[in-house]
């Protein structure tokens, strides 16, 4: 029996590593194995910023990958948490009663949804701001080169 509260928290906390996918679909899930790739690339982008500074163009592409992956996993946690018990049990516990306890929403589920919304939205906004700031700074720098 797959528990909705546990899946919500796994999607939020371990989502960038694919833990929720492995919990719900098993170790044969391809997307679960692919999720750590953008996470690792984003962490590599952070390492490049620490090593080469903020002017490293490759890090401008890699860091948002981490942010978008975290945000997508937070959104997945919200979707799992808001899923009705009938839909949850039909999808992940097909042998169980539609109103079985693993599909019910509890305070832990609501807390997981709230935290995922708070952190996920913050990370998404930070990733977008970082991406746009670096893009516009690059455009201004290129315009200066042309004008001189």
C-alpha atoms as a PDB file:
ATOM      1  CA  UNK A   1       0.000   0.000   0.000  1.00  0.00           C
ATOM      2  CA  UNK A   2       1.460   3.324  -1.108  1.00  0.00           C
ATOM      3  CA  UNK A   3       0.930   6.095   1.440  1.00  0.00           C
ATOM      4  CA  UNK A   4       0.004   9.540   0.086  1.00  0.00           C
ATOM      5  CA  UNK A   5       1.626  11.451   2.952  1.00  0.00           C
ATOM      6  CA  UNK A   6       4.916   9.604   2.557  1.00  0.00           C
ATOM      7  CA  UNK A   7       4.858  10.090  -1.218  1.00  0.00           C
ATOM      8  CA  UNK A   8       4.213  13.828  -0.747  1.00  0.00           C
ATOM      9  CA  UNK A   9       7.205  14.212   1.556  1.00  0.00           C
ATOM     10  CA  UNK A  10       9.425  12.013  -0.619  1.00  0.00           C
ATOM     11  CA  UNK A  11       8.535  14.089  -3.679  1.00  0.00           C
ATOM     12  CA  UNK A  12       9.438  17.276  -1.835  1.00  0.00           C
ATOM     13  CA  UNK A  13      12.538  16.194   0.089  1.00  0.00           C
ATOM     14  CA  UNK A  14      13.942  13.461  -2.153  1.00  0.00           C
ATOM     15  CA  UNK A  15      12.341  14.388  -5.446  1.00  0.00           C
ATOM     16  CA  UNK A  16      15.497  15.686  -7.137  1.00  0.00           C
ATOM     17  CA  UNK A  17      16.982  12.241  -6.519  1.00  0.00           C
ATOM     18  CA  UNK A  18      13.887  10.405  -7.786  1.00  0.00           C
ATOM     19  CA  UNK A  19      12.978   8.853  -4.421  1.00  0.00           C
ATOM     20  CA  UNK A  20       9.232   9.391  -4.863  1.00  0.00           C
ATOM     21  CA  UNK A  21       9.330   7.723  -8.273  1.00  0.00           C
ATOM     22  CA  UNK A  22      11.108   4.684  -6.848  1.00  0.00           C
ATOM     23  CA  UNK A  23       8.642   4.519  -3.944  1.00  0.00           C
ATOM     24  CA  UNK A  24       5.589   4.640  -6.202  1.00  0.00           C
ATOM     25  CA  UNK A  25       6.776   2.821  -9.329  1.00  0.00           C
ATOM     26  CA  UNK A  26       9.761   0.739  -8.245  1.00  0.00           C
ATOM     27  CA  UNK A  27      13.396   0.752  -9.297  1.00  0.00           C
ATOM     28  CA  UNK A  28      12.520   0.083 -12.931  1.00  0.00           C
ATOM     29  CA  UNK A  29      11.202   3.634 -13.405  1.00  0.00           C
ATOM     30  CA  UNK A  30      13.314   5.409 -16.039  1.00  0.00           C
ATOM     31  CA  UNK A  31      12.378   8.951 -14.976  1.00  0.00           C
ATOM     32  CA  UNK A  32      13.410   8.117 -11.420  1.00  0.00           C
ATOM     33  CA  UNK A  33      16.878   7.259 -12.708  1.00  0.00           C
ATOM     34  CA  UNK A  34      17.030  10.388 -14.913  1.00  0.00           C
ATOM     35  CA  UNK A  35      16.019  12.911 -12.221  1.00  0.00           C
ATOM     36  CA  UNK A  36      19.450  13.010 -10.522  1.00  0.00           C
ATOM     37  CA  UNK A  37      21.086  14.161 -13.779  1.00  0.00           C
ATOM     38  CA  UNK A  38      19.746  17.760 -13.814  1.00  0.00           C
ATOM     39  CA  UNK A  39      20.229  17.850 -10.051  1.00  0.00           C
ATOM     40  CA  UNK A  40      23.898  16.918 -10.397  1.00  0.00           C
ATOM     41  CA  UNK A  41      24.371  19.362 -13.280  1.00  0.00           C
ATOM     42  CA  UNK A  42      22.871  22.162 -11.182  1.00  0.00           C
ATOM     43  CA  UNK A  43      25.167  21.328  -8.279  1.00  0.00           C
ATOM     44  CA  UNK A  44      28.077  21.363 -10.718  1.00  0.00           C
ATOM     45  CA  UNK A  45      26.955  24.845 -11.810  1.00  0.00           C
ATOM     46  CA  UNK A  46      27.063  26.020  -8.190  1.00  0.00           C
ATOM     47  CA  UNK A  47      30.549  24.543  -7.864  1.00  0.00           C
ATOM     48  CA  UNK A  48      31.626  26.405 -11.027  1.00  0.00           C
ATOM     49  CA  UNK A  49      30.363  29.702  -9.592  1.00  0.00           C
ATOM     50  CA  UNK A  50      32.401  29.111  -6.460  1.00  0.00           C
ATOM     51  CA  UNK A  51      35.452  28.242  -8.531  1.00  0.00           C
ATOM     52  CA  UNK A  52      35.251  30.730 -11.436  1.00  0.00           C
ATOM     53  CA  UNK A  53      32.976  33.475 -10.108  1.00  0.00           C
ATOM     54  CA  UNK A  54      29.599  34.735 -11.244  1.00  0.00           C
ATOM     55  CA  UNK A  55      30.762  35.548 -14.755  1.00  0.00           C
ATOM     56  CA  UNK A  56      30.958  31.891 -15.799  1.00  0.00           C
ATOM     57  CA  UNK A  57      28.430  31.478 -18.660  1.00  0.00           C
ATOM     58  CA  UNK A  58      28.125  27.700 -18.242  1.00  0.00           C
ATOM     59  CA  UNK A  59      26.988  28.111 -14.643  1.00  0.00           C
ATOM     60  CA  UNK A  60      24.239  30.442 -15.877  1.00  0.00           C
ATOM     61  CA  UNK A  61      22.733  27.473 -17.682  1.00  0.00           C
ATOM     62  CA  UNK A  62      23.418  24.820 -15.066  1.00  0.00           C
ATOM     63  CA  UNK A  63      22.215  26.494 -11.869  1.00  0.00           C
ATOM     64  CA  UNK A  64      18.625  27.015 -13.094  1.00  0.00           C
ATOM     65  CA  UNK A  65      18.445  23.281 -13.872  1.00  0.00           C
ATOM     66  CA  UNK A  66      18.710  22.591 -10.152  1.00  0.00           C
ATOM     67  CA  UNK A  67      16.107  25.213  -9.308  1.00  0.00           C
ATOM     68  CA  UNK A  68      13.649  24.009 -11.916  1.00  0.00           C
ATOM     69  CA  UNK A  69      14.121  20.389 -10.821  1.00  0.00           C
ATOM     70  CA  UNK A  70      13.454  21.285  -7.185  1.00  0.00           C
ATOM     71  CA  UNK A  71      10.406  23.342  -8.216  1.00  0.00           C
ATOM     72  CA  UNK A  72       9.028  20.535 -10.383  1.00  0.00           C
ATOM     73  CA  UNK A  73       9.415  18.067  -7.525  1.00  0.00           C
ATOM     74  CA  UNK A  74       7.675  20.491  -5.159  1.00  0.00           C
ATOM     75  CA  UNK A  75       4.823  20.750  -7.676  1.00  0.00           C
ATOM     76  CA  UNK A  76       4.672  16.957  -7.819  1.00  0.00           C
ATOM     77  CA  UNK A  77       4.423  16.875  -4.019  1.00  0.00           C
ATOM     78  CA  UNK A  78       1.523  19.337  -4.173  1.00  0.00           C
ATOM     79  CA  UNK A  79      -0.252  17.265  -6.831  1.00  0.00           C
ATOM     80  CA  UNK A  80       0.197  14.083  -4.797  1.00  0.00           C
ATOM     81  CA  UNK A  81      -1.013  15.744  -1.617  1.00  0.00           C
ATOM     82  CA  UNK A  82      -4.106  17.264  -3.226  1.00  0.00           C
ATOM     83  CA  UNK A  83      -5.132  14.058  -4.988  1.00  0.00           C
ATOM     84  CA  UNK A  84      -8.418  12.645  -3.701  1.00  0.00           C
ATOM     85  CA  UNK A  85      -8.321   9.376  -1.771  1.00  0.00           C
ATOM     86  CA  UNK A  86     -10.323   7.640  -4.491  1.00  0.00           C
ATOM     87  CA  UNK A  87      -7.998   8.773  -7.247  1.00  0.00           C
ATOM     88  CA  UNK A  88      -4.875   8.005  -5.177  1.00  0.00           C
ATOM     89  CA  UNK A  89      -5.989   4.493  -4.308  1.00  0.00           C
ATOM     90  CA  UNK A  90      -7.196   3.802  -7.852  1.00  0.00           C
ATOM     91  CA  UNK A  91      -3.819   4.872  -9.248  1.00  0.00           C
ATOM     92  CA  UNK A  92      -1.323   3.587  -6.686  1.00  0.00           C
ATOM     93  CA  UNK A  93      -3.317   1.055  -4.622  1.00  0.00           C
ATOM     94  CA  UNK A  94      -5.682  -0.527  -7.159  1.00  0.00           C
ATOM     95  CA  UNK A  95      -6.336  -3.583  -4.979  1.00  0.00           C
ATOM     96  CA  UNK A  96      -7.475  -1.440  -2.026  1.00  0.00           C
ATOM     97  CA  UNK A  97     -10.834   0.063  -1.151  1.00  0.00           C
ATOM     98  CA  UNK A  98     -11.275   3.551  -2.708  1.00  0.00           C
ATOM     99  CA  UNK A  99     -11.465   5.070   0.780  1.00  0.00           C
ATOM    100  CA  UNK A 100      -8.529   3.095   2.227  1.00  0.00           C
ATOM    101  CA  UNK A 101      -6.360   4.835   4.819  1.00  0.00           C
ATOM    102  CA  UNK A 102      -3.150   5.159   2.721  1.00  0.00           C
ATOM    103  CA  UNK A 103      -4.922   7.520   0.331  1.00  0.00           C
ATOM    104  CA  UNK A 104      -6.429   9.740   3.003  1.00  0.00           C
ATOM    105  CA  UNK A 105      -5.213  13.279   3.649  1.00  0.00           C
ATOM    106  CA  UNK A 106      -3.811  13.900   7.128  1.00  0.00           C
ATOM    107  CA  UNK A 107      -2.118  16.851   8.835  1.00  0.00           C
ATOM    108  CA  UNK A 108       1.255  15.538   7.693  1.00  0.00           C
ATOM    109  CA  UNK A 109       0.021  15.690   4.106  1.00  0.00           C
ATOM    110  CA  UNK A 110      -1.271  19.245   4.535  1.00  0.00           C
ATOM    111  CA  UNK A 111       2.022  20.306   6.114  1.00  0.00           C
ATOM    112  CA  UNK A 112       3.929  18.692   3.239  1.00  0.00           C
ATOM    113  CA  UNK A 113       1.781  20.544   0.693  1.00  0.00           C
ATOM    114  CA  UNK A 114       2.312  23.856   2.506  1.00  0.00           C
ATOM    115  CA  UNK A 115       6.071  23.473   2.771  1.00  0.00           C
ATOM    116  CA  UNK A 116       6.340  22.326  -0.851  1.00  0.00           C
ATOM    117  CA  UNK A 117       4.345  25.357  -1.989  1.00  0.00           C
ATOM    118  CA  UNK A 118       6.432  27.763   0.068  1.00  0.00           C
ATOM    119  CA  UNK A 119       9.851  26.396  -0.845  1.00  0.00           C
ATOM    120  CA  UNK A 120       8.967  25.406  -4.409  1.00  0.00           C
ATOM    121  CA  UNK A 121       7.605  28.838  -5.296  1.00  0.00           C
ATOM    122  CA  UNK A 122      10.614  30.548  -3.706  1.00  0.00           C
ATOM    123  CA  UNK A 123      13.087  28.371  -5.579  1.00  0.00           C
ATOM    124  CA  UNK A 124      11.227  28.857  -8.853  1.00  0.00           C
ATOM    125  CA  UNK A 125      11.214  32.647  -8.462  1.00  0.00           C
ATOM    126  CA  UNK A 126      14.902  32.672  -7.524  1.00  0.00           C
ATOM    127  CA  UNK A 127      15.778  30.504 -10.528  1.00  0.00           C
ATOM    128  CA  UNK A 128      13.832  32.728 -12.898  1.00  0.00           C
ATOM    129  CA  UNK A 129      15.350  35.892 -11.429  1.00  0.00           C
ATOM    130  CA  UNK A 130      18.865  34.459 -11.677  1.00  0.00           C
ATOM    131  CA  UNK A 131      18.315  33.349 -15.274  1.00  0.00           C
ATOM    132  CA  UNK A 132      16.842  36.655 -16.447  1.00  0.00           C
ATOM    133  CA  UNK A 133      19.421  38.737 -14.605  1.00  0.00           C
ATOM    134  CA  UNK A 134      22.298  36.837 -16.178  1.00  0.00           C
ATOM    135  CA  UNK A 135      20.680  36.939 -19.614  1.00  0.00           C
ATOM    136  CA  UNK A 136      20.151  40.713 -19.539  1.00  0.00           C
ATOM    137  CA  UNK A 137      23.622  41.357 -18.123  1.00  0.00           C
ATOM    138  CA  UNK A 138      25.063  39.309 -20.978  1.00  0.00           C
ATOM    139  CA  UNK A 139      23.011  41.260 -23.526  1.00  0.00           C
ATOM    140  CA  UNK A 140      24.190  44.602 -22.117  1.00  0.00           C
ATOM    141  CA  UNK A 141      27.802  43.439 -22.148  1.00  0.00           C
ATOM    142  CA  UNK A 142      27.531  42.322 -25.767  1.00  0.00           C
ATOM    143  CA  UNK A 143      25.901  45.635 -26.731  1.00  0.00           C
ATOM    144  CA  UNK A 144      28.791  47.500 -25.114  1.00  0.00           C
ATOM    145  CA  UNK A 145      31.275  45.466 -27.146  1.00  0.00           C
ATOM    146  CA  UNK A 146      29.432  46.285 -30.362  1.00  0.00           C
ATOM    147  CA  UNK A 147      29.151  49.993 -29.588  1.00  0.00           C
ATOM    148  CA  UNK A 148      32.874  50.420 -28.962  1.00  0.00           C
END
